[in-house]
Amino acid sequence: LHRNMDGVIRISDKHLLLVAHSNDNNSGDDLLTWDLTVNSIASPTITAKTNIFTDQGSSAQVAMVINQQNDDVYVAYLKGGSWLSLVDVVFHKSTNGMSSWGSELPYSQTTDDYRILHGGRTISNSGGKIQWVFYDDDDFGILVNLVNDVPIGLSGFVPPGVPGSFGSFGHTEEEVGRVPNLKVTIQVEIGGVPIAGFPVVKRLVVDESQQFNYEKAADGNPSSFSALPVAELATVEALIIKASDLPITVRLDGQSDSGIELKLGGILVILDATIDAGAGVQNVSINNPASSDLTLVSGVAAGT
């Protein structure tokens, strides 16, 4: 069973947005998109939009979700590997009515025999998550990813105290969105006595966030850096990184020097900043200088 076509209603103009595969697990497969103005049931105005991909094999299934707050469109699909045995769930985002698409981003964290994919259709002013469920045919399991989903906050301002603060780094399903209660509380004490000016409660307005529990492979040297998985954000305005079990080095905003060294258990907190290295340059990259051991890097990045 392959669900190879999907669509959503864009409430701002009442257009029907469609996405469909041209083929099923075929090297000539295109993932096509259309914008339909339903001015006539018999003959709607159909405008072809930009393909998400062209001539890609080992792909099928598709699920579209729209953020009605800003009309951003997200499309996920299954991609092999080896079709029906080694499959990933990936997604793309469009911020301009499907005229162009962002780069491919991971949704599933493992590769397996995934078969069926479904999305939640729409995010309203009440907020929610860009999130898909998918079926693992080997284990007869229906799965959802709580690491690579995209939280969307309430539309507009809400009173302080509404839930949405950062939780434990061990959990990656906290909702942090475009509301002024992206909240970080910092308490600093010396000898049990708070220092002047603390505690500080910082609230920010951000469009999106990405949480991560990232297993960084060993680099074996202090100079090889790779991107932290926060590519959904063009500009990082808030960043919290925890070096969970090994020291790491962090570079920011295209930095090319020795970087910021975090010891074991170290935490880097940056709030109300602009980290935007520009096209082709990583906003945040990390190095694991260990010779062989993986290290867990956890935290959250938020911005636009």
C-alpha atoms as a PDB file:
ATOM      1  CA  LEU A   1       0.000   0.000   0.000  1.00  0.00           C
ATOM      2  CA  HIS A   2       1.510   3.301  -1.132  1.00  0.00           C
ATOM      3  CA  ARG A   3      -0.101   6.659  -0.461  1.00  0.00           C
ATOM      4  CA  ASN A   4       1.492   8.719  -3.197  1.00  0.00           C
ATOM      5  CA  MET A   5      -0.649  11.878  -3.244  1.00  0.00           C
ATOM      6  CA  ASP A   6      -1.648  14.348  -0.541  1.00  0.00           C
ATOM      7  CA  GLY A   7      -3.046  17.847  -0.154  1.00  0.00           C
ATOM      8  CA  VAL A   8      -4.005  20.606   2.271  1.00  0.00           C
ATOM      9  CA  ILE A   9      -6.215  23.705   2.193  1.00  0.00           C
ATOM     10  CA  ARG A  10      -4.376  27.019   2.626  1.00  0.00           C
ATOM     11  CA  ILE A  11      -6.854  29.023   4.662  1.00  0.00           C
ATOM     12  CA  SER A  12      -5.419  32.465   3.798  1.00  0.00           C
ATOM     13  CA  ASP A  13      -6.655  32.222   0.191  1.00  0.00           C
ATOM     14  CA  LYS A  14      -8.672  28.963   0.233  1.00  0.00           C
ATOM     15  CA  HIS A  15      -6.347  27.340  -2.306  1.00  0.00           C
ATOM     16  CA  LEU A  16      -5.869  23.586  -2.433  1.00  0.00           C
ATOM     17  CA  LEU A  17      -2.183  22.586  -2.406  1.00  0.00           C
ATOM     18  CA  LEU A  18      -1.327  19.178  -3.830  1.00  0.00           C
ATOM     19  CA  VAL A  19       1.773  16.973  -3.946  1.00  0.00           C
ATOM     20  CA  ALA A  20       2.168  13.664  -5.773  1.00  0.00           C
ATOM     21  CA  HIS A  21       4.745  11.191  -7.033  1.00  0.00           C
ATOM     22  CA  SER A  22       4.821  10.716 -10.793  1.00  0.00           C
ATOM     23  CA  ASN A  23       6.013   7.118 -10.356  1.00  0.00           C
ATOM     24  CA  ASP A  24       6.211   4.548  -7.567  1.00  0.00           C
ATOM     25  CA  ASN A  25       9.736   3.408  -6.675  1.00  0.00           C
ATOM     26  CA  ASN A  26      11.033   4.239 -10.122  1.00  0.00           C
ATOM     27  CA  SER A  27      14.227   6.005 -11.195  1.00  0.00           C
ATOM     28  CA  GLY A  28      12.113   8.468 -13.179  1.00  0.00           C
ATOM     29  CA  ASP A  29      10.055   9.505 -10.163  1.00  0.00           C
ATOM     30  CA  ASP A  30       9.326  13.239  -9.754  1.00  0.00           C
ATOM     31  CA  LEU A  31       7.706  14.660  -6.622  1.00  0.00           C
ATOM     32  CA  LEU A  32       5.337  17.224  -8.178  1.00  0.00           C
ATOM     33  CA  THR A  33       3.370  20.076  -6.584  1.00  0.00           C
ATOM     34  CA  TRP A  34       0.355  22.135  -7.677  1.00  0.00           C
ATOM     35  CA  ASP A  35      -1.674  25.103  -6.439  1.00  0.00           C
ATOM     36  CA  LEU A  36      -5.414  24.838  -7.227  1.00  0.00           C
ATOM     37  CA  THR A  37      -7.794  27.790  -7.178  1.00  0.00           C
ATOM     38  CA  VAL A  38     -11.191  26.155  -6.891  1.00  0.00           C
ATOM     39  CA  ASN A  39     -13.117  28.867  -8.730  1.00  0.00           C
ATOM     40  CA  SER A  40     -15.036  26.108 -10.469  1.00  0.00           C
ATOM     41  CA  ILE A  41     -15.569  22.544  -9.313  1.00  0.00           C
ATOM     42  CA  ALA A  42     -15.690  21.371 -12.906  1.00  0.00           C
ATOM     43  CA  SER A  43     -12.581  23.251 -14.051  1.00  0.00           C
ATOM     44  CA  PRO A  44     -10.410  24.685 -11.244  1.00  0.00           C
ATOM     45  CA  THR A  45      -7.409  26.825 -12.102  1.00  0.00           C
ATOM     46  CA  ILE A  46      -4.370  24.566 -11.705  1.00  0.00           C
ATOM     47  CA  THR A  47      -0.883  26.066 -11.386  1.00  0.00           C
ATOM     48  CA  ALA A  48       2.099  23.725 -11.444  1.00  0.00           C
ATOM     49  CA  LYS A  49       4.659  24.628  -8.795  1.00  0.00           C
ATOM     50  CA  THR A  50       8.271  23.549  -8.266  1.00  0.00           C
ATOM     51  CA  ASN A  51       9.188  19.859  -8.023  1.00  0.00           C
ATOM     52  CA  ILE A  52      10.592  18.778  -4.687  1.00  0.00           C
ATOM     53  CA  PHE A  53      12.834  16.348  -6.557  1.00  0.00           C
ATOM     54  CA  THR A  54      13.224  15.058 -10.102  1.00  0.00           C
ATOM     55  CA  ASP A  55      14.256  11.588 -11.349  1.00  0.00           C
ATOM     56  CA  GLN A  56      14.809  10.019  -7.946  1.00  0.00           C
ATOM     57  CA  GLY A  57      14.437   6.275  -7.466  1.00  0.00           C
ATOM     58  CA  SER A  58      13.434   4.245  -4.391  1.00  0.00           C
ATOM     59  CA  SER A  59      10.880   6.761  -3.145  1.00  0.00           C
ATOM     60  CA  ALA A  60       7.151   6.623  -2.453  1.00  0.00           C
ATOM     61  CA  GLN A  61       4.505   7.842  -0.030  1.00  0.00           C
ATOM     62  CA  VAL A  62       3.985  11.535   0.701  1.00  0.00           C
ATOM     63  CA  ALA A  63       2.388  13.612   3.464  1.00  0.00           C
ATOM     64  CA  MET A  64       1.893  17.386   3.453  1.00  0.00           C
ATOM     65  CA  VAL A  65       1.406  19.693   6.475  1.00  0.00           C
ATOM     66  CA  ILE A  66       0.873  23.474   6.414  1.00  0.00           C
ATOM     67  CA  ASN A  67       1.505  26.073   9.102  1.00  0.00           C
ATOM     68  CA  GLN A  68      -1.562  28.296   8.679  1.00  0.00           C
ATOM     69  CA  GLN A  69       0.097  31.080  10.703  1.00  0.00           C
ATOM     70  CA  ASN A  70       2.572  31.909   7.914  1.00  0.00           C
ATOM     71  CA  ASP A  71       1.648  29.491   5.047  1.00  0.00           C
ATOM     72  CA  ASP A  72       4.927  27.534   5.306  1.00  0.00           C
ATOM     73  CA  VAL A  73       4.477  24.108   3.697  1.00  0.00           C
ATOM     74  CA  TYR A  74       6.212  20.912   4.843  1.00  0.00           C
ATOM     75  CA  VAL A  75       6.303  17.719   2.768  1.00  0.00           C
ATOM     76  CA  ALA A  76       7.635  14.366   3.993  1.00  0.00           C
ATOM     77  CA  TYR A  77       8.164  11.186   1.990  1.00  0.00           C
ATOM     78  CA  LEU A  78       9.855   7.779   2.210  1.00  0.00           C
ATOM     79  CA  LYS A  79      13.231   7.393   0.565  1.00  0.00           C
ATOM     80  CA  GLY A  80      15.493   4.355   0.037  1.00  0.00           C
ATOM     81  CA  GLY A  81      18.224   2.951   0.405  1.00  0.00           C
ATOM     82  CA  SER A  82      16.872  -0.360  -0.542  1.00  0.00           C
ATOM     83  CA  TRP A  83      13.158   0.039  -1.099  1.00  0.00           C
ATOM     84  CA  LEU A  84      10.903  -1.885   1.327  1.00  0.00           C
ATOM     85  CA  SER A  85      13.823  -2.774   3.594  1.00  0.00           C
ATOM     86  CA  LEU A  86      16.180   0.200   4.175  1.00  0.00           C
ATOM     87  CA  VAL A  87      14.047   3.331   4.072  1.00  0.00           C
ATOM     88  CA  ASP A  88      14.270   6.772   5.691  1.00  0.00           C
ATOM     89  CA  VAL A  89      11.598   9.409   6.322  1.00  0.00           C
ATOM     90  CA  VAL A  90      12.787  12.825   5.106  1.00  0.00           C
ATOM     91  CA  PHE A  91      11.111  16.205   4.586  1.00  0.00           C
ATOM     92  CA  HIS A  92      11.426  19.564   2.819  1.00  0.00           C
ATOM     93  CA  LYS A  93      10.020  23.002   3.657  1.00  0.00           C
ATOM     94  CA  SER A  94       8.789  25.814   1.402  1.00  0.00           C
ATOM     95  CA  THR A  95       8.352  29.366   2.673  1.00  0.00           C
ATOM     96  CA  ASN A  96       7.161  30.907  -0.611  1.00  0.00           C
ATOM     97  CA  GLY A  97       4.097  28.992  -1.736  1.00  0.00           C
ATOM     98  CA  MET A  98       6.056  26.025  -3.169  1.00  0.00           C
ATOM     99  CA  SER A  99       7.989  28.219  -5.612  1.00  0.00           C
ATOM    100  CA  SER A 100      11.144  26.738  -4.091  1.00  0.00           C
ATOM    101  CA  TRP A 101      12.024  24.099  -1.517  1.00  0.00           C
ATOM    102  CA  GLY A 102      14.622  23.942   1.218  1.00  0.00           C
ATOM    103  CA  SER A 103      17.184  21.162   1.449  1.00  0.00           C
ATOM    104  CA  GLU A 104      16.274  17.609   2.442  1.00  0.00           C
ATOM    105  CA  LEU A 105      16.097  17.175   6.237  1.00  0.00           C
ATOM    106  CA  PRO A 106      15.882  13.926   8.260  1.00  0.00           C
ATOM    107  CA  TYR A 107      12.722  13.005  10.133  1.00  0.00           C
ATOM    108  CA  SER A 108      13.277   9.354  11.065  1.00  0.00           C
ATOM    109  CA  GLN A 109      16.480   8.712  13.010  1.00  0.00           C
ATOM    110  CA  THR A 110      16.862   5.113  11.909  1.00  0.00           C
ATOM    111  CA  THR A 111      16.631   3.296   8.583  1.00  0.00           C
ATOM    112  CA  ASP A 112      14.128   0.448   8.443  1.00  0.00           C
ATOM    113  CA  ASP A 113      11.261  -1.190   6.558  1.00  0.00           C
ATOM    114  CA  TYR A 114       8.935   1.830   6.646  1.00  0.00           C
ATOM    115  CA  ARG A 115       5.811   1.606   4.502  1.00  0.00           C
ATOM    116  CA  ILE A 116       3.035   4.072   5.377  1.00  0.00           C
ATOM    117  CA  LEU A 117       3.347   7.791   6.157  1.00  0.00           C
ATOM    118  CA  HIS A 118       0.750  10.268   7.419  1.00  0.00           C
ATOM    119  CA  GLY A 119       0.836  13.915   8.538  1.00  0.00           C
ATOM    120  CA  GLY A 120      -1.363  16.091  10.703  1.00  0.00           C
ATOM    121  CA  ARG A 121      -2.536  18.341   7.814  1.00  0.00           C
ATOM    122  CA  THR A 122      -2.528  21.766   9.452  1.00  0.00           C
ATOM    123  CA  ILE A 123      -1.201  23.926  12.301  1.00  0.00           C
ATOM    124  CA  SER A 124      -3.566  26.715  13.394  1.00  0.00           C
ATOM    125  CA  ASN A 125      -3.057  29.800  15.557  1.00  0.00           C
ATOM    126  CA  SER A 126      -3.225  27.485  18.571  1.00  0.00           C
ATOM    127  CA  GLY A 127       0.174  26.055  17.616  1.00  0.00           C
ATOM    128  CA  GLY A 128       1.310  22.451  17.541  1.00  0.00           C
ATOM    129  CA  LYS A 129       4.015  20.396  15.849  1.00  0.00           C
ATOM    130  CA  ILE A 130       4.960  19.636  12.279  1.00  0.00           C
ATOM    131  CA  GLN A 131       4.989  15.902  12.839  1.00  0.00           C
ATOM    132  CA  TRP A 132       4.370  12.714  10.885  1.00  0.00           C
ATOM    133  CA  VAL A 133       3.592   9.136  11.885  1.00  0.00           C
ATOM    134  CA  PHE A 134       4.971   6.180   9.943  1.00  0.00           C
ATOM    135  CA  TYR A 135       4.606   2.404   9.996  1.00  0.00           C
ATOM    136  CA  ASP A 136       7.464  -0.059  10.606  1.00  0.00           C
ATOM    137  CA  ASP A 137       6.511  -3.200   8.708  1.00  0.00           C
ATOM    138  CA  ASP A 138       9.120  -5.420  10.418  1.00  0.00           C
ATOM    139  CA  ASP A 139       8.067  -4.621  13.974  1.00  0.00           C
ATOM    140  CA  PHE A 140       4.375  -3.822  13.297  1.00  0.00           C
ATOM    141  CA  GLY A 141       4.898  -0.466  14.994  1.00  0.00           C
ATOM    142  CA  ILE A 142       3.407   2.980  14.362  1.00  0.00           C
ATOM    143  CA  LEU A 143       6.146   5.520  15.078  1.00  0.00           C
ATOM    144  CA  VAL A 144       6.500   9.260  15.585  1.00  0.00           C
ATOM    145  CA  ASN A 145       9.758  11.191  16.006  1.00  0.00           C
ATOM    146  CA  LEU A 146      10.081  13.570  18.966  1.00  0.00           C
ATOM    147  CA  VAL A 147      13.568  14.797  18.041  1.00  0.00           C
ATOM    148  CA  ASN A 148      13.211  15.957  14.436  1.00  0.00           C
ATOM    149  CA  ASP A 149       9.674  17.336  14.597  1.00  0.00           C
ATOM    150  CA  VAL A 150       9.210  21.111  14.251  1.00  0.00           C
ATOM    151  CA  PRO A 151       7.348  22.819  17.127  1.00  0.00           C
ATOM    152  CA  ILE A 152       5.160  25.785  16.136  1.00  0.00           C
ATOM    153  CA  GLY A 153       4.022  28.086  18.945  1.00  0.00           C
ATOM    154  CA  LEU A 154       0.856  30.060  19.499  1.00  0.00           C
ATOM    155  CA  SER A 155       0.216  32.918  17.111  1.00  0.00           C
ATOM    156  CA  GLY A 156       0.855  36.334  18.656  1.00  0.00           C
ATOM    157  CA  PHE A 157       1.595  37.244  22.271  1.00  0.00           C
ATOM    158  CA  VAL A 158       0.337  35.364  25.290  1.00  0.00           C
ATOM    159  CA  PRO A 159       0.639  36.218  28.977  1.00  0.00           C
ATOM    160  CA  PRO A 160       3.811  35.115  30.831  1.00  0.00           C
ATOM    161  CA  GLY A 161       3.508  31.794  32.574  1.00  0.00           C
ATOM    162  CA  VAL A 162       2.005  29.803  29.712  1.00  0.00           C
ATOM    163  CA  PRO A 163       3.810  26.410  29.526  1.00  0.00           C
ATOM    164  CA  GLY A 164       6.669  26.262  27.054  1.00  0.00           C
ATOM    165  CA  SER A 165       9.888  26.510  29.053  1.00  0.00           C
ATOM    166  CA  PHE A 166      12.831  24.232  28.381  1.00  0.00           C
ATOM    167  CA  GLY A 167      12.589  20.870  30.116  1.00  0.00           C
ATOM    168  CA  SER A 168      15.149  18.214  30.855  1.00  0.00           C
ATOM    169  CA  PHE A 169      17.784  17.601  28.217  1.00  0.00           C
ATOM    170  CA  GLY A 170      16.843  13.943  28.460  1.00  0.00           C
ATOM    171  CA  HIS A 171      13.506  14.652  26.737  1.00  0.00           C
ATOM    172  CA  THR A 172      13.139  16.257  23.349  1.00  0.00           C
ATOM    173  CA  GLU A 173       9.426  16.879  22.997  1.00  0.00           C
ATOM    174  CA  GLU A 174       9.061  20.285  24.656  1.00  0.00           C
ATOM    175  CA  GLU A 175       7.163  22.810  22.566  1.00  0.00           C
ATOM    176  CA  VAL A 176       9.083  26.039  22.006  1.00  0.00           C
ATOM    177  CA  GLY A 177       7.578  28.281  19.371  1.00  0.00           C
ATOM    178  CA  ARG A 178       6.817  31.828  18.265  1.00  0.00           C
ATOM    179  CA  VAL A 179       5.571  33.093  21.612  1.00  0.00           C
ATOM    180  CA  PRO A 180       7.254  35.310  24.196  1.00  0.00           C
ATOM    181  CA  ASN A 181       7.504  32.467  26.686  1.00  0.00           C
ATOM    182  CA  LEU A 182      10.533  30.727  25.241  1.00  0.00           C
ATOM    183  CA  LYS A 183      11.873  30.936  28.733  1.00  0.00           C
ATOM    184  CA  VAL A 184      15.253  30.245  30.292  1.00  0.00           C
ATOM    185  CA  THR A 185      15.802  30.761  34.014  1.00  0.00           C
ATOM    186  CA  ILE A 186      19.389  31.192  35.220  1.00  0.00           C
ATOM    187  CA  GLN A 187      20.176  30.928  38.923  1.00  0.00           C
ATOM    188  CA  VAL A 188      23.761  31.684  40.002  1.00  0.00           C
ATOM    189  CA  GLU A 189      24.940  31.211  43.576  1.00  0.00           C
ATOM    190  CA  ILE A 190      28.277  31.350  45.352  1.00  0.00           C
ATOM    191  CA  GLY A 191      28.410  29.514  48.650  1.00  0.00           C
ATOM    192  CA  GLY A 192      24.657  29.120  48.540  1.00  0.00           C
ATOM    193  CA  VAL A 193      24.099  32.873  48.191  1.00  0.00           C
ATOM    194  CA  PRO A 194      22.599  34.274  44.950  1.00  0.00           C
ATOM    195  CA  ILE A 195      24.827  36.866  43.304  1.00  0.00           C
ATOM    196  CA  ALA A 196      23.480  40.301  42.500  1.00  0.00           C
ATOM    197  CA  GLY A 197      21.135  40.454  39.527  1.00  0.00           C
ATOM    198  CA  PHE A 198      20.138  36.770  39.676  1.00  0.00           C
ATOM    199  CA  PRO A 199      18.049  34.778  39.133  1.00  0.00           C
ATOM    200  CA  VAL A 200      17.406  35.980  35.582  1.00  0.00           C
ATOM    201  CA  VAL A 201      14.330  34.913  33.610  1.00  0.00           C
ATOM    202  CA  LYS A 202      14.805  35.435  29.877  1.00  0.00           C
ATOM    203  CA  ARG A 203      11.895  35.230  27.432  1.00  0.00           C
ATOM    204  CA  LEU A 204      12.293  35.444  23.659  1.00  0.00           C
ATOM    205  CA  VAL A 205      10.017  35.442  20.613  1.00  0.00           C
ATOM    206  CA  VAL A 206      11.182  32.913  18.018  1.00  0.00           C
ATOM    207  CA  ASP A 207       9.597  31.370  14.929  1.00  0.00           C
ATOM    208  CA  GLU A 208      10.831  27.801  15.272  1.00  0.00           C
ATOM    209  CA  SER A 209      13.071  25.548  17.326  1.00  0.00           C
ATOM    210  CA  GLN A 210      15.003  22.327  16.862  1.00  0.00           C
ATOM    211  CA  GLN A 211      15.853  20.040  19.746  1.00  0.00           C
ATOM    212  CA  PHE A 212      18.641  17.517  19.361  1.00  0.00           C
ATOM    213  CA  ASN A 213      20.141  14.466  21.027  1.00  0.00           C
ATOM    214  CA  TYR A 214      22.983  14.019  18.578  1.00  0.00           C
ATOM    215  CA  GLU A 215      25.570  11.236  18.666  1.00  0.00           C
ATOM    216  CA  LYS A 216      28.711  12.915  17.319  1.00  0.00           C
ATOM    217  CA  ALA A 217      31.221  10.533  15.801  1.00  0.00           C
ATOM    218  CA  ALA A 218      34.859  10.736  16.875  1.00  0.00           C
ATOM    219  CA  ASP A 219      36.943  13.109  14.748  1.00  0.00           C
ATOM    220  CA  GLY A 220      40.286  11.923  16.129  1.00  0.00           C
ATOM    221  CA  ASN A 221      41.713  15.441  15.918  1.00  0.00           C
ATOM    222  CA  PRO A 222      40.867  18.950  17.160  1.00  0.00           C
ATOM    223  CA  SER A 223      40.342  20.537  13.742  1.00  0.00           C
ATOM    224  CA  SER A 224      37.600  18.546  11.928  1.00  0.00           C
ATOM    225  CA  PHE A 225      34.170  20.126  12.461  1.00  0.00           C
ATOM    226  CA  SER A 226      30.732  19.102  11.256  1.00  0.00           C
ATOM    227  CA  ALA A 227      27.371  20.848  11.410  1.00  0.00           C
ATOM    228  CA  LEU A 228      25.088  20.555  14.409  1.00  0.00           C
ATOM    229  CA  PRO A 229      21.706  19.241  13.129  1.00  0.00           C
ATOM    230  CA  VAL A 230      19.841  22.559  13.265  1.00  0.00           C
ATOM    231  CA  ALA A 231      19.660  23.224   9.524  1.00  0.00           C
ATOM    232  CA  GLU A 232      15.961  24.142   9.711  1.00  0.00           C
ATOM    233  CA  LEU A 233      17.008  27.494  11.228  1.00  0.00           C
ATOM    234  CA  ALA A 234      18.473  30.155   8.945  1.00  0.00           C
ATOM    235  CA  THR A 235      19.303  32.372  11.945  1.00  0.00           C
ATOM    236  CA  VAL A 236      19.945  31.056  15.448  1.00  0.00           C
ATOM    237  CA  GLU A 237      18.779  33.448  18.167  1.00  0.00           C
ATOM    238  CA  ALA A 238      18.964  31.104  21.167  1.00  0.00           C
ATOM    239  CA  LEU A 239      21.285  28.149  21.631  1.00  0.00           C
ATOM    240  CA  ILE A 240      21.824  25.725  24.502  1.00  0.00           C
ATOM    241  CA  ILE A 241      24.347  22.909  24.049  1.00  0.00           C
ATOM    242  CA  LYS A 242      25.286  20.294  26.631  1.00  0.00           C
ATOM    243  CA  ALA A 243      28.388  18.098  26.283  1.00  0.00           C
ATOM    244  CA  SER A 244      26.849  15.035  27.877  1.00  0.00           C
ATOM    245  CA  ASP A 245      29.641  12.471  28.134  1.00  0.00           C
ATOM    246  CA  LEU A 246      32.834  13.750  26.443  1.00  0.00           C
ATOM    247  CA  PRO A 247      34.460  17.158  25.895  1.00  0.00           C
ATOM    248  CA  ILE A 248      33.561  18.892  22.615  1.00  0.00           C
ATOM    249  CA  THR A 249      34.526  22.082  20.789  1.00  0.00           C
ATOM    250  CA  VAL A 250      31.906  24.437  19.318  1.00  0.00           C
ATOM    251  CA  ARG A 251      32.325  26.961  16.506  1.00  0.00           C
ATOM    252  CA  LEU A 252      29.720  29.641  15.834  1.00  0.00           C
ATOM    253  CA  ASP A 253      28.764  31.848  12.893  1.00  0.00           C
ATOM    254  CA  GLY A 254      31.453  30.637  10.479  1.00  0.00           C
ATOM    255  CA  GLN A 255      34.162  30.817  13.149  1.00  0.00           C
ATOM    256  CA  SER A 256      37.482  29.343  11.972  1.00  0.00           C
ATOM    257  CA  ASP A 257      39.698  29.619  15.058  1.00  0.00           C
ATOM    258  CA  SER A 258      40.042  27.046  17.852  1.00  0.00           C
ATOM    259  CA  GLY A 259      36.428  27.528  18.965  1.00  0.00           C
ATOM    260  CA  ILE A 260      34.753  27.202  22.357  1.00  0.00           C
ATOM    261  CA  GLU A 261      35.836  24.162  24.358  1.00  0.00           C
ATOM    262  CA  LEU A 262      33.190  22.512  26.546  1.00  0.00           C
ATOM    263  CA  LYS A 263      34.442  20.084  29.153  1.00  0.00           C
ATOM    264  CA  LEU A 264      32.559  16.921  30.100  1.00  0.00           C
ATOM    265  CA  GLY A 265      29.116  18.026  31.273  1.00  0.00           C
ATOM    266  CA  GLY A 266      29.738  21.598  30.103  1.00  0.00           C
ATOM    267  CA  ILE A 267      26.807  23.740  28.975  1.00  0.00           C
ATOM    268  CA  LEU A 268      26.913  26.639  26.515  1.00  0.00           C
ATOM    269  CA  VAL A 269      23.998  29.101  26.746  1.00  0.00           C
ATOM    270  CA  ILE A 270      23.495  31.913  24.222  1.00  0.00           C
ATOM    271  CA  LEU A 271      20.319  34.014  24.334  1.00  0.00           C
ATOM    272  CA  ASP A 272      19.016  36.910  22.262  1.00  0.00           C
ATOM    273  CA  ALA A 273      21.802  36.647  19.682  1.00  0.00           C
ATOM    274  CA  THR A 274      22.080  36.674  15.884  1.00  0.00           C
ATOM    275  CA  ILE A 275      24.032  33.691  14.588  1.00  0.00           C
ATOM    276  CA  ASP A 276      23.751  33.841  10.807  1.00  0.00           C
ATOM    277  CA  ALA A 277      26.883  32.812   8.937  1.00  0.00           C
ATOM    278  CA  GLY A 278      25.256  33.179   5.507  1.00  0.00           C
ATOM    279  CA  ALA A 279      24.760  30.784   2.612  1.00  0.00           C
ATOM    280  CA  GLY A 280      27.050  27.769   2.512  1.00  0.00           C
ATOM    281  CA  VAL A 281      28.515  28.379   5.981  1.00  0.00           C
ATOM    282  CA  GLN A 282      27.492  26.501   9.129  1.00  0.00           C
ATOM    283  CA  ASN A 283      25.934  28.551  11.904  1.00  0.00           C
ATOM    284  CA  VAL A 284      26.931  25.974  14.528  1.00  0.00           C
ATOM    285  CA  SER A 285      29.510  23.217  14.099  1.00  0.00           C
ATOM    286  CA  ILE A 286      31.113  20.844  16.589  1.00  0.00           C
ATOM    287  CA  ASN A 287      34.236  18.746  16.974  1.00  0.00           C
ATOM    288  CA  ASN A 288      34.674  15.546  18.988  1.00  0.00           C
ATOM    289  CA  PRO A 289      38.464  15.208  19.404  1.00  0.00           C
ATOM    290  CA  ALA A 290      38.242  11.666  20.809  1.00  0.00           C
ATOM    291  CA  SER A 291      40.005   8.977  18.823  1.00  0.00           C
ATOM    292  CA  SER A 292      37.166   6.454  18.742  1.00  0.00           C
ATOM    293  CA  ASP A 293      34.268   7.221  21.102  1.00  0.00           C
ATOM    294  CA  LEU A 294      30.898   8.660  20.120  1.00  0.00           C
ATOM    295  CA  THR A 295      29.667  11.506  22.291  1.00  0.00           C
ATOM    296  CA  LEU A 296      26.114  12.661  22.961  1.00  0.00           C
ATOM    297  CA  VAL A 297      25.476  16.356  22.288  1.00  0.00           C
ATOM    298  CA  SER A 298      22.047  17.525  23.463  1.00  0.00           C
ATOM    299  CA  GLY A 299      20.163  20.792  23.618  1.00  0.00           C
ATOM    300  CA  VAL A 300      18.002  23.160  21.623  1.00  0.00           C
ATOM    301  CA  ALA A 301      18.403  25.901  19.034  1.00  0.00           C
ATOM    302  CA  ALA A 302      15.702  28.467  18.282  1.00  0.00           C
ATOM    303  CA  GLY A 303      15.318  31.317  15.825  1.00  0.00           C
ATOM    304  CA  THR A 304      14.044  31.839  12.298  1.00  0.00           C
END
